[in-house]
Amino acid sequence: MKNFYIATLVAWLVWILFLDNNNMRVVVSNRMKMKDLEKEKAVLLEKIGQVKKERNEVFGNPKMLEKWAREKFMMRRPKEEVYVIVDENNQPVESKKEE
């Protein structure tokens, strides 16, 4: 009787680990995909936060809206040249806060 239970347990483990539709290979693969997607989600949430912050800054102030349109899309008034001065980190000098 003892061998029957051991044999049944071994057969069940083999079935669960290798033969089932949700075997160990599938479970490990799905967990790796989930970790990758969670990392991607964190990056995208950070980008969303940056875009929302920029949007609130730009659309709350007409001068900032004009500045943003000029810097990001190189828009200009007729017969006008646009120059953007940047620092060593490639950031516009005007966007730095006085400390």
C-alpha atoms as a PDB file:
ATOM      1  CA  MET A   1       0.000   0.000   0.000  1.00  0.00           C
ATOM      2  CA  LYS A   2       2.891   2.353   0.780  1.00  0.00           C
ATOM      3  CA  ASN A   3       4.366   1.929  -2.711  1.00  0.00           C
ATOM      4  CA  PHE A   4       1.001   2.754  -4.290  1.00  0.00           C
ATOM      5  CA  TYR A   5       0.908   6.179  -2.593  1.00  0.00           C
ATOM      6  CA  ILE A   6       4.517   6.916  -3.512  1.00  0.00           C
ATOM      7  CA  ALA A   7       3.923   5.885  -7.118  1.00  0.00           C
ATOM      8  CA  THR A   8       0.763   7.991  -7.271  1.00  0.00           C
ATOM      9  CA  LEU A   9       2.605  10.992  -5.801  1.00  0.00           C
ATOM     10  CA  VAL A  10       5.459  10.625  -8.304  1.00  0.00           C
ATOM     11  CA  ALA A  11       3.030  10.268 -11.220  1.00  0.00           C
ATOM     12  CA  TRP A  12       1.118  13.355 -10.050  1.00  0.00           C
ATOM     13  CA  LEU A  13       4.348  15.392  -9.724  1.00  0.00           C
ATOM     14  CA  VAL A  14       5.505  14.347 -13.199  1.00  0.00           C
ATOM     15  CA  TRP A  15       2.116  15.306 -14.593  1.00  0.00           C
ATOM     16  CA  ILE A  16       2.072  18.716 -12.865  1.00  0.00           C
ATOM     17  CA  LEU A  17       5.717  19.589 -13.572  1.00  0.00           C
ATOM     18  CA  PHE A  18       6.033  18.440 -17.184  1.00  0.00           C
ATOM     19  CA  LEU A  19       2.818  17.322 -18.886  1.00  0.00           C
ATOM     20  CA  ASP A  20       0.120  19.780 -17.783  1.00  0.00           C
ATOM     21  CA  ASN A  21      -0.783  22.838 -19.865  1.00  0.00           C
ATOM     22  CA  ASN A  22       0.503  25.058 -17.046  1.00  0.00           C
ATOM     23  CA  ASN A  23       3.751  23.170 -16.480  1.00  0.00           C
ATOM     24  CA  MET A  24       6.833  24.638 -14.821  1.00  0.00           C
ATOM     25  CA  ARG A  25       8.309  25.919 -18.085  1.00  0.00           C
ATOM     26  CA  VAL A  26       5.168  27.939 -18.805  1.00  0.00           C
ATOM     27  CA  VAL A  27       4.986  29.268 -15.242  1.00  0.00           C
ATOM     28  CA  VAL A  28       8.635  30.401 -15.249  1.00  0.00           C
ATOM     29  CA  SER A  29       8.247  31.971 -18.697  1.00  0.00           C
ATOM     30  CA  ASN A  30       5.142  33.862 -17.597  1.00  0.00           C
ATOM     31  CA  ARG A  31       6.876  35.156 -14.456  1.00  0.00           C
ATOM     32  CA  MET A  32       9.832  36.429 -16.490  1.00  0.00           C
ATOM     33  CA  LYS A  33       7.451  38.195 -18.887  1.00  0.00           C
ATOM     34  CA  MET A  34       5.604  39.701 -15.938  1.00  0.00           C
ATOM     35  CA  LYS A  35       8.836  41.091 -14.446  1.00  0.00           C
ATOM     36  CA  ASP A  36       9.771  42.641 -17.803  1.00  0.00           C
ATOM     37  CA  LEU A  37       6.307  44.179 -18.156  1.00  0.00           C
ATOM     38  CA  GLU A  38       6.446  45.580 -14.614  1.00  0.00           C
ATOM     39  CA  LYS A  39       9.786  47.261 -15.399  1.00  0.00           C
ATOM     40  CA  GLU A  40       8.326  48.695 -18.599  1.00  0.00           C
ATOM     41  CA  LYS A  41       5.257  49.880 -16.672  1.00  0.00           C
ATOM     42  CA  ALA A  42       7.457  51.720 -14.158  1.00  0.00           C
ATOM     43  CA  VAL A  43       9.347  53.483 -16.959  1.00  0.00           C
ATOM     44  CA  LEU A  44       6.131  54.462 -18.718  1.00  0.00           C
ATOM     45  CA  LEU A  45       4.548  55.734 -15.493  1.00  0.00           C
ATOM     46  CA  GLU A  46       7.608  57.917 -14.924  1.00  0.00           C
ATOM     47  CA  LYS A  47       7.314  59.303 -18.450  1.00  0.00           C
ATOM     48  CA  ILE A  48       3.603  59.968 -17.898  1.00  0.00           C
ATOM     49  CA  GLY A  49       4.444  61.906 -14.756  1.00  0.00           C
ATOM     50  CA  GLN A  50       6.983  64.020 -16.635  1.00  0.00           C
ATOM     51  CA  VAL A  51       4.508  64.753 -19.426  1.00  0.00           C
ATOM     52  CA  LYS A  52       1.772  65.724 -16.954  1.00  0.00           C
ATOM     53  CA  LYS A  53       4.161  68.036 -15.109  1.00  0.00           C
ATOM     54  CA  GLU A  54       5.239  69.663 -18.374  1.00  0.00           C
ATOM     55  CA  ARG A  55       1.641  69.993 -19.539  1.00  0.00           C
ATOM     56  CA  ASN A  56       0.589  71.704 -16.313  1.00  0.00           C
ATOM     57  CA  GLU A  57       3.522  74.129 -16.564  1.00  0.00           C
ATOM     58  CA  VAL A  58       2.940  74.926 -20.221  1.00  0.00           C
ATOM     59  CA  PHE A  59      -0.815  75.222 -20.505  1.00  0.00           C
ATOM     60  CA  GLY A  60      -1.166  77.287 -17.342  1.00  0.00           C
ATOM     61  CA  ASN A  61       0.864  80.184 -18.721  1.00  0.00           C
ATOM     62  CA  PRO A  62       0.553  81.700 -22.241  1.00  0.00           C
ATOM     63  CA  LYS A  63       4.215  82.786 -22.275  1.00  0.00           C
ATOM     64  CA  MET A  64       5.337  79.280 -21.358  1.00  0.00           C
ATOM     65  CA  LEU A  65       3.082  77.881 -24.096  1.00  0.00           C
ATOM     66  CA  GLU A  66       4.775  80.088 -26.674  1.00  0.00           C
ATOM     67  CA  LYS A  67       8.224  79.183 -25.311  1.00  0.00           C
ATOM     68  CA  TRP A  68       7.378  75.462 -25.367  1.00  0.00           C
ATOM     69  CA  ALA A  69       6.087  75.636 -28.940  1.00  0.00           C
ATOM     70  CA  ARG A  70       9.218  77.475 -30.047  1.00  0.00           C
ATOM     71  CA  GLU A  71      11.640  75.090 -28.307  1.00  0.00           C
ATOM     72  CA  LYS A  72       9.967  71.759 -28.966  1.00  0.00           C
ATOM     73  CA  PHE A  73       8.605  72.308 -32.435  1.00  0.00           C
ATOM     74  CA  MET A  74      10.894  75.110 -33.626  1.00  0.00           C
ATOM     75  CA  MET A  75       7.877  77.299 -34.326  1.00  0.00           C
ATOM     76  CA  ARG A  76       8.564  80.914 -35.050  1.00  0.00           C
ATOM     77  CA  ARG A  77       6.904  84.098 -36.087  1.00  0.00           C
ATOM     78  CA  PRO A  78       7.199  85.147 -39.731  1.00  0.00           C
ATOM     79  CA  LYS A  79      10.653  86.520 -40.605  1.00  0.00           C
ATOM     80  CA  GLU A  80      12.104  85.511 -37.248  1.00  0.00           C
ATOM     81  CA  GLU A  81      15.014  83.194 -36.385  1.00  0.00           C
ATOM     82  CA  VAL A  82      14.856  81.010 -33.278  1.00  0.00           C
ATOM     83  CA  TYR A  83      17.955  80.146 -31.238  1.00  0.00           C
ATOM     84  CA  VAL A  84      17.909  77.911 -28.161  1.00  0.00           C
ATOM     85  CA  ILE A  85      20.866  78.243 -25.818  1.00  0.00           C
ATOM     86  CA  VAL A  86      21.661  75.059 -23.900  1.00  0.00           C
ATOM     87  CA  ASP A  87      24.100  74.199 -21.129  1.00  0.00           C
ATOM     88  CA  GLU A  88      26.597  71.305 -21.037  1.00  0.00           C
ATOM     89  CA  ASN A  89      23.758  68.878 -20.126  1.00  0.00           C
ATOM     90  CA  ASN A  90      21.777  69.891 -23.233  1.00  0.00           C
ATOM     91  CA  GLN A  91      19.134  71.632 -21.088  1.00  0.00           C
ATOM     92  CA  PRO A  92      17.765  75.068 -22.005  1.00  0.00           C
ATOM     93  CA  VAL A  93      19.385  77.760 -19.862  1.00  0.00           C
ATOM     94  CA  GLU A  94      16.038  79.513 -19.227  1.00  0.00           C
ATOM     95  CA  SER A  95      14.528  76.437 -17.546  1.00  0.00           C
ATOM     96  CA  LYS A  96      17.041  76.520 -14.640  1.00  0.00           C
ATOM     97  CA  LYS A  97      15.657  77.879 -11.389  1.00  0.00           C
ATOM     98  CA  GLU A  98      17.580  80.543  -9.512  1.00  0.00           C
ATOM     99  CA  GLU A  99      18.902  79.163  -6.244  1.00  0.00           C
END
